Amino acid sequence: MNGFEPLIAALAGGILPPLAWLWFWRREDSVHPEPRRLIALAFLAGMVAVAVVIPLEKMAASLISAQELWVAAAVGTTTLTFVIWSAMEELIKYVMAKLTVLRRREDDEPIDPVIYMVTVALGFAAAENTLFLLSPLSGDTLMQTLLTGNLRFVGATLLHVLSSAVIGVALGLSFYKKKSIKRWYALIGVILAATLHSIFNFLILNTPEEHLLRTFGFVWIGLIILLAMLEYIKRIHPVIKQKLWRS
């Protein structure tokens, strides 16, 4: 590939699959869909999150390699690095969602935080996949590019959706609770998302290539559980306290 072809192919392979998933997830909120401008804002926020997290991840990797940490010696420098990276990515995605869409008045149903977190995750995956594809595209064929993009589509994109949706589910479950309780739910959601992300990265690092589809299968099982949780969250309504009047 020469000229702009690698860039065009990377943009297509990186952005189009997340947009297809975004169309699917928006159907989960078809009764009261979120405004398109906020969906676009959340998607853009996810893309910006990549630019925020990359220098932080490089800094973390440098500190881990420079310092003789007992944790790194116990679990391995690479494993520790990926755990910290996973936590950073999930936290940054949540912060970006919080700064852009989660405080809006349109966020008025328990299902809404899930949709917004998934959208931010898809924006993150779009930017990350594009950067990932730019590297191998310079000397490879279009077919190789599509195969690489398909692996990212199945793996990284679904992982970002699943992990960020865990945070959205936590926010949805606490939607009508007190603010102090909401903060705890949000914290637990971020911790669970980072843990899930870390486990997936650990499996990728330690699973032979011929068994990678089994690892992706765990992600698909997680998505099935997520869809079941969405049906439960859709049925959450505020508790209306009725006053009993003595006759």
Protein backbone atom coordinates (compact mmCIF):
# COMPACT_ATOMS: atom_id res chain seq x y z
CA MET A 1 0.00 0.00 0.00
CA ASN A 2 1.19 3.48 -0.83
CA GLY A 3 0.07 7.04 -0.23
CA PHE A 4 -3.12 7.47 1.74
CA GLU A 5 -4.29 3.88 1.29
CA PRO A 6 -2.84 2.66 4.64
CA LEU A 7 -4.50 5.53 6.50
CA ILE A 8 -7.86 5.00 4.77
CA ALA A 9 -7.73 1.26 5.39
CA ALA A 10 -6.79 1.81 9.06
CA LEU A 11 -9.63 4.28 9.55
CA ALA A 12 -12.09 1.91 7.88
CA GLY A 13 -10.90 -1.14 9.81
CA GLY A 14 -10.72 0.75 13.08
CA ILE A 15 -13.88 2.86 13.02
CA LEU A 16 -16.46 0.96 10.96
CA PRO A 17 -16.72 -2.13 13.24
CA PRO A 18 -17.33 0.00 16.38
CA LEU A 19 -19.94 2.00 14.47
CA ALA A 20 -21.68 -1.25 13.56
CA TRP A 21 -21.71 -2.25 17.22
CA LEU A 22 -22.97 1.20 18.16
CA TRP A 23 -25.97 0.69 15.88
CA PHE A 24 -26.66 -2.62 17.65
CA TRP A 25 -26.41 -1.21 21.17
CA ARG A 26 -28.59 1.81 20.38
CA ARG A 27 -31.40 -0.61 19.59
CA GLU A 28 -31.32 -1.62 23.27
CA ASP A 29 -32.58 1.88 24.07
CA SER A 30 -35.05 2.17 21.19
CA VAL A 31 -38.01 3.17 23.38
CA HIS A 32 -36.42 6.41 24.60
CA PRO A 33 -33.26 6.77 22.50
CA GLU A 34 -30.54 9.18 23.57
CA PRO A 35 -29.99 12.29 21.41
CA ARG A 36 -27.64 11.65 18.52
CA ARG A 37 -25.52 14.67 19.45
CA LEU A 38 -24.81 13.15 22.87
CA ILE A 39 -24.09 9.75 21.36
CA ALA A 40 -21.63 11.45 18.99
CA LEU A 41 -20.13 13.37 21.93
CA ALA A 42 -19.69 10.17 23.94
CA PHE A 43 -18.08 8.41 20.96
CA LEU A 44 -15.70 11.35 20.47
CA ALA A 45 -14.93 11.38 24.21
CA GLY A 46 -13.88 7.75 23.95
CA MET A 47 -11.54 8.56 21.07
CA VAL A 48 -10.02 11.46 23.02
CA ALA A 49 -9.56 9.12 26.00
CA VAL A 50 -6.99 7.17 23.94
CA ALA A 51 -4.89 10.32 23.51
CA VAL A 52 -5.12 10.88 27.27
CA VAL A 53 -4.28 7.36 28.37
CA ILE A 54 -1.36 6.61 26.01
CA PRO A 55 1.16 8.99 27.66
CA LEU A 56 -0.03 7.83 31.09
CA GLU A 57 0.54 4.20 30.13
CA LYS A 58 4.01 5.00 28.81
CA MET A 59 4.81 6.78 32.06
CA ALA A 60 3.55 3.84 34.11
CA ALA A 61 5.58 1.36 32.06
CA SER A 62 8.72 3.46 32.52
CA LEU A 63 8.23 3.69 36.28
CA ILE A 64 7.63 -0.06 36.60
CA SER A 65 10.74 -0.92 34.60
CA ALA A 66 12.86 1.67 36.43
CA GLN A 67 11.80 0.71 39.95
CA GLU A 68 12.52 -2.62 41.57
CA LEU A 69 8.99 -3.27 42.77
CA TRP A 70 8.32 -6.41 44.82
CA VAL A 71 4.94 -6.71 43.11
CA ALA A 72 6.61 -6.82 39.69
CA ALA A 73 8.98 -9.49 40.96
CA ALA A 74 6.06 -11.54 42.27
CA VAL A 75 3.67 -11.38 39.32
CA GLY A 76 6.00 -10.35 36.51
CA THR A 77 6.73 -6.94 35.05
CA THR A 78 4.61 -7.52 31.94
CA THR A 79 1.61 -8.74 33.93
CA LEU A 80 1.82 -5.82 36.36
CA THR A 81 2.09 -3.37 33.48
CA PHE A 82 -1.03 -4.74 31.80
CA VAL A 83 -2.96 -4.69 35.07
CA ILE A 84 -2.11 -1.02 35.61
CA TRP A 85 -2.88 -0.21 31.98
CA SER A 86 -6.27 -1.93 32.26
CA ALA A 87 -7.13 0.06 35.38
CA MET A 88 -6.03 3.30 33.71
CA GLU A 89 -8.12 2.67 30.59
CA GLU A 90 -11.28 1.85 32.52
CA LEU A 91 -10.86 4.82 34.85
CA ILE A 92 -10.16 7.26 32.00
CA LYS A 93 -13.15 6.00 30.01
CA TYR A 94 -15.40 6.54 33.02
CA VAL A 95 -13.97 10.00 33.73
CA MET A 96 -14.47 11.06 30.10
CA ALA A 97 -18.06 9.82 30.19
CA LYS A 98 -18.63 11.63 33.48
CA LEU A 99 -17.24 14.89 32.11
CA THR A 100 -19.24 14.82 28.88
CA VAL A 101 -22.54 12.93 29.06
CA LEU A 102 -23.29 11.32 32.41
CA ARG A 103 -24.18 14.62 34.08
CA ARG A 104 -26.63 15.70 31.39
CA ARG A 105 -30.35 15.94 32.06
CA GLU A 106 -30.89 13.52 29.17
CA ASP A 107 -29.31 10.83 31.36
CA ASP A 108 -32.69 10.20 32.97
CA GLU A 109 -33.17 6.41 32.88
CA PRO A 110 -31.21 3.50 34.43
CA ILE A 111 -30.41 2.14 30.95
CA ASP A 112 -28.86 5.45 29.82
CA PRO A 113 -25.52 5.13 31.68
CA VAL A 114 -25.02 1.72 30.10
CA ILE A 115 -25.60 3.12 26.60
CA TYR A 116 -23.29 6.05 27.23
CA MET A 117 -20.50 3.90 28.71
CA VAL A 118 -20.75 1.47 25.80
CA THR A 119 -20.58 4.38 23.35
CA VAL A 120 -17.49 5.80 25.03
CA ALA A 121 -15.95 2.32 24.93
CA LEU A 122 -16.67 2.01 21.21
CA GLY A 123 -15.07 5.39 20.56
CA PHE A 124 -12.04 4.25 22.55
CA ALA A 125 -11.87 1.00 20.58
CA ALA A 126 -12.20 2.87 17.27
CA ALA A 127 -9.21 5.09 18.00
CA GLU A 128 -7.16 2.26 19.53
CA ASN A 129 -7.87 -0.10 16.63
CA THR A 130 -6.97 2.58 14.09
CA LEU A 131 -3.61 3.20 15.75
CA PHE A 132 -3.05 -0.56 15.99
CA LEU A 133 -3.76 -1.04 12.29
CA LEU A 134 -1.56 1.83 11.14
CA SER A 135 1.60 -0.01 12.15
CA PRO A 136 1.27 -3.26 10.14
CA LEU A 137 -0.42 -1.62 7.16
CA SER A 138 2.70 -0.02 5.69
CA GLY A 139 3.97 -3.25 4.12
CA ASP A 140 1.03 -5.65 4.20
CA THR A 141 -1.74 -6.50 1.78
CA LEU A 142 -5.33 -5.41 2.15
CA MET A 143 -6.35 -9.00 2.96
CA GLN A 144 -3.84 -9.12 5.82
CA THR A 145 -5.20 -5.81 7.03
CA LEU A 146 -8.76 -7.13 7.04
CA LEU A 147 -7.70 -10.25 8.94
CA THR A 148 -5.90 -8.17 11.55
CA GLY A 149 -8.87 -5.84 11.81
CA ASN A 150 -11.18 -8.81 12.28
CA LEU A 151 -9.14 -10.04 15.27
CA ARG A 152 -9.34 -6.59 16.82
CA PHE A 153 -13.06 -6.47 16.06
CA VAL A 154 -13.72 -9.75 17.84
CA GLY A 155 -11.31 -9.23 20.71
CA ALA A 156 -10.45 -5.69 21.78
CA THR A 157 -13.69 -4.05 20.70
CA LEU A 158 -15.89 -6.53 22.55
CA LEU A 159 -13.65 -6.37 25.60
CA HIS A 160 -13.94 -2.58 25.80
CA VAL A 161 -17.71 -2.83 25.40
CA LEU A 162 -18.05 -5.49 28.08
CA SER A 163 -15.75 -3.87 30.65
CA SER A 164 -17.20 -0.37 30.28
CA ALA A 165 -20.72 -1.77 30.28
CA VAL A 166 -19.97 -3.23 33.72
CA ILE A 167 -19.51 0.35 34.95
CA GLY A 168 -22.72 1.36 33.19
CA VAL A 169 -24.59 -1.51 34.83
CA ALA A 170 -23.32 -0.41 38.26
CA LEU A 171 -24.53 3.12 37.55
CA GLY A 172 -27.87 1.80 36.30
CA LEU A 173 -28.43 -0.37 39.37
CA SER A 174 -27.83 2.64 41.63
CA PHE A 175 -29.67 5.15 39.42
CA TYR A 176 -32.41 5.99 41.95
CA LYS A 177 -30.24 5.62 45.07
CA LYS A 178 -28.57 8.32 47.18
CA LYS A 179 -25.47 10.06 45.83
CA SER A 180 -23.23 8.51 48.47
CA ILE A 181 -24.41 5.03 47.46
CA LYS A 182 -24.00 5.89 43.77
CA ARG A 183 -20.34 6.72 44.37
CA TRP A 184 -19.75 3.31 45.92
CA TYR A 185 -21.49 1.57 43.03
CA ALA A 186 -19.39 3.57 40.55
CA LEU A 187 -16.17 2.65 42.40
CA ILE A 188 -17.12 -1.03 42.47
CA GLY A 189 -18.01 -0.85 38.77
CA VAL A 190 -14.62 0.61 37.85
CA ILE A 191 -12.81 -2.02 39.96
CA LEU A 192 -14.80 -4.86 38.36
CA ALA A 193 -14.21 -3.45 34.87
CA ALA A 194 -10.47 -3.15 35.48
CA THR A 195 -10.37 -6.68 36.90
CA LEU A 196 -12.23 -8.10 33.89
CA HIS A 197 -9.94 -6.21 31.51
CA SER A 198 -6.85 -7.45 33.36
CA ILE A 199 -8.01 -11.07 33.33
CA PHE A 200 -8.61 -10.93 29.58
CA ASN A 201 -5.15 -9.43 28.99
CA PHE A 202 -3.59 -12.11 31.22
CA LEU A 203 -5.33 -14.85 29.23
CA ILE A 204 -4.19 -13.31 25.95
CA LEU A 205 -0.60 -13.24 27.19
CA ASN A 206 -0.62 -16.81 28.50
CA THR A 207 -2.89 -18.63 26.04
CA PRO A 208 -1.39 -20.41 23.01
CA GLU A 209 -2.47 -18.88 19.71
CA GLU A 210 -4.48 -21.95 18.72
CA HIS A 211 -6.65 -21.52 21.84
CA LEU A 212 -7.30 -17.78 21.55
CA LEU A 213 -10.84 -18.33 20.30
CA ARG A 214 -11.61 -19.94 23.67
CA THR A 215 -10.57 -16.71 25.37
CA PHE A 216 -12.79 -14.69 23.04
CA GLY A 217 -15.57 -17.13 23.91
CA PHE A 218 -15.41 -15.95 27.52
CA VAL A 219 -16.04 -12.42 26.27
CA TRP A 220 -19.08 -13.57 24.31
CA ILE A 221 -20.44 -15.31 27.41
CA GLY A 222 -19.95 -12.07 29.31
CA LEU A 223 -21.89 -10.18 26.64
CA ILE A 224 -24.79 -12.64 26.91
CA ILE A 225 -24.88 -12.06 30.67
CA LEU A 226 -24.72 -8.32 30.00
CA LEU A 227 -27.75 -8.46 27.70
CA ALA A 228 -29.68 -10.27 30.43
CA MET A 229 -28.66 -7.56 32.92
CA LEU A 230 -29.89 -4.89 30.51
CA GLU A 231 -33.35 -6.45 30.49
CA TYR A 232 -33.34 -6.29 34.29
CA ILE A 233 -32.14 -2.67 34.35
CA LYS A 234 -34.87 -1.64 31.93
CA ARG A 235 -37.41 -2.71 34.55
CA ILE A 236 -35.93 -0.58 37.35
CA HIS A 237 -38.28 2.23 38.36
CA PRO A 238 -38.15 4.81 41.14
CA VAL A 239 -39.79 3.83 44.41
CA ILE A 240 -42.79 6.06 44.95
CA LYS A 241 -43.50 6.54 48.61
CA GLN A 242 -47.20 6.84 49.27
CA LYS A 243 -48.48 8.69 52.30
CA LEU A 244 -51.09 6.88 54.31
CA TRP A 245 -53.81 9.19 55.49
CA ARG A 246 -55.95 8.25 58.39
CA SER A 247 -59.58 8.46 57.62
